[in-house]
Amino acid sequence: MKDAGNTGGAWLRKLVALMPPHEGAGARVDREAVERVWGVRFPSDYKDFVAVYGGGTIENYLYVAVPEVSGDARAGHMERLTDDAVGT
């Protein structure tokens, strides 16, 4: 788990105090590669949250996804297009 004191802001420290991440939480993501493959810049608060908590569900209510990049950049685009098609 990444230390919330070294990332994010006061909001993240407050959240960690209210909802401590479990042992081993947090996602190590190559942010530059993900943003390049997906063609978007993810908000810094989302990236900070994912660094501390990782992906998954919160109280079986809210799902937080962590974008992935496979070895083939085109496959990353295909995964996104497939997910978008299923969601519509």
Protein backbone atom coordinates (compact mmCIF):
# COMPACT_ATOMS: atom_id res chain seq x y z
CA MET A 1 0.00 0.00 0.00
CA LYS A 2 1.25 3.45 -0.83
CA ASP A 3 1.37 5.87 2.09
CA ALA A 4 -1.52 8.34 1.86
CA GLY A 5 0.67 10.97 3.48
CA ASN A 6 2.95 10.94 0.44
CA THR A 7 0.21 11.14 -2.16
CA GLY A 8 -3.10 12.89 -2.61
CA GLY A 9 -4.18 15.55 -0.22
CA ALA A 10 -6.05 16.10 3.00
CA TRP A 11 -9.13 14.37 1.54
CA LEU A 12 -7.19 11.12 1.11
CA ARG A 13 -5.70 11.23 4.60
CA LYS A 14 -9.21 11.77 6.01
CA LEU A 15 -10.57 8.88 3.96
CA VAL A 16 -7.79 6.56 5.13
CA ALA A 17 -8.59 7.51 8.74
CA LEU A 18 -12.26 6.60 8.16
CA MET A 19 -11.71 3.60 5.91
CA PRO A 20 -8.23 2.14 6.33
CA PRO A 21 -7.05 0.10 3.32
CA HIS A 22 -6.48 -3.59 3.92
CA GLU A 23 -3.00 -5.06 4.02
CA GLY A 24 -1.57 -5.30 0.53
CA ALA A 25 -4.04 -2.81 -0.94
CA GLY A 26 -3.01 -0.39 -3.64
CA ALA A 27 -2.28 -0.82 -7.30
CA ARG A 28 1.02 -0.34 -9.02
CA VAL A 29 0.11 1.04 -12.40
CA ASP A 30 2.35 2.38 -15.13
CA ARG A 31 0.33 5.59 -15.36
CA GLU A 32 2.07 6.86 -18.48
CA ALA A 33 1.51 3.60 -20.38
CA VAL A 34 -2.14 3.37 -19.31
CA GLU A 35 -2.88 6.94 -20.31
CA ARG A 36 -1.05 6.51 -23.62
CA VAL A 37 -2.92 3.30 -24.52
CA TRP A 38 -6.31 4.52 -23.37
CA GLY A 39 -5.79 7.96 -24.89
CA VAL A 40 -6.94 9.84 -21.79
CA ARG A 41 -5.46 11.51 -18.73
CA PHE A 42 -6.98 10.13 -15.57
CA PRO A 43 -7.74 12.64 -12.77
CA SER A 44 -5.01 12.92 -10.15
CA ASP A 45 -7.43 12.19 -7.29
CA TYR A 46 -8.44 8.91 -8.98
CA LYS A 47 -4.77 7.95 -9.46
CA ASP A 48 -4.00 8.77 -5.82
CA PHE A 49 -7.01 6.76 -4.63
CA VAL A 50 -6.01 3.73 -6.71
CA ALA A 51 -2.41 3.97 -5.48
CA VAL A 52 -3.64 3.62 -1.89
CA TYR A 53 -6.68 1.34 -2.24
CA GLY A 54 -6.36 -0.39 -5.61
CA GLY A 55 -9.42 -1.64 -7.44
CA GLY A 56 -12.41 -3.55 -6.15
CA THR A 57 -15.67 -2.91 -4.38
CA ILE A 58 -16.51 -0.77 -1.39
CA GLU A 59 -19.24 -2.26 0.79
CA ASN A 60 -20.57 -4.15 -2.26
CA TYR A 61 -21.90 -0.82 -3.47
CA LEU A 62 -19.19 1.05 -5.37
CA TYR A 63 -16.84 -0.61 -7.84
CA VAL A 64 -13.49 1.04 -8.57
CA ALA A 65 -11.80 -0.23 -11.72
CA VAL A 66 -8.09 -0.04 -12.43
CA PRO A 67 -7.30 0.18 -16.14
CA GLU A 68 -4.92 -2.43 -17.46
CA VAL A 69 -2.56 -2.49 -20.37
CA SER A 70 -1.67 -5.77 -22.01
CA GLY A 71 1.58 -6.33 -23.90
CA ASP A 72 -0.12 -5.26 -27.11
CA ALA A 73 -1.39 -1.67 -27.07
CA ARG A 74 -4.16 -2.56 -29.52
CA ALA A 75 -5.43 -5.22 -27.11
CA GLY A 76 -5.90 -2.50 -24.47
CA HIS A 77 -8.08 -0.59 -26.89
CA MET A 78 -10.02 -3.77 -27.70
CA GLU A 79 -10.68 -4.47 -24.03
CA ARG A 80 -12.02 -0.95 -23.60
CA LEU A 81 -14.19 -1.17 -26.72
CA THR A 82 -15.58 -4.52 -25.58
CA ASP A 83 -16.40 -3.18 -22.13
CA ASP A 84 -18.02 -0.09 -23.64
CA ALA A 85 -20.15 -2.24 -25.94
CA VAL A 86 -21.33 -4.42 -23.06
CA GLY A 87 -22.25 -1.34 -21.02
CA THR A 88 -24.50 0.09 -23.76
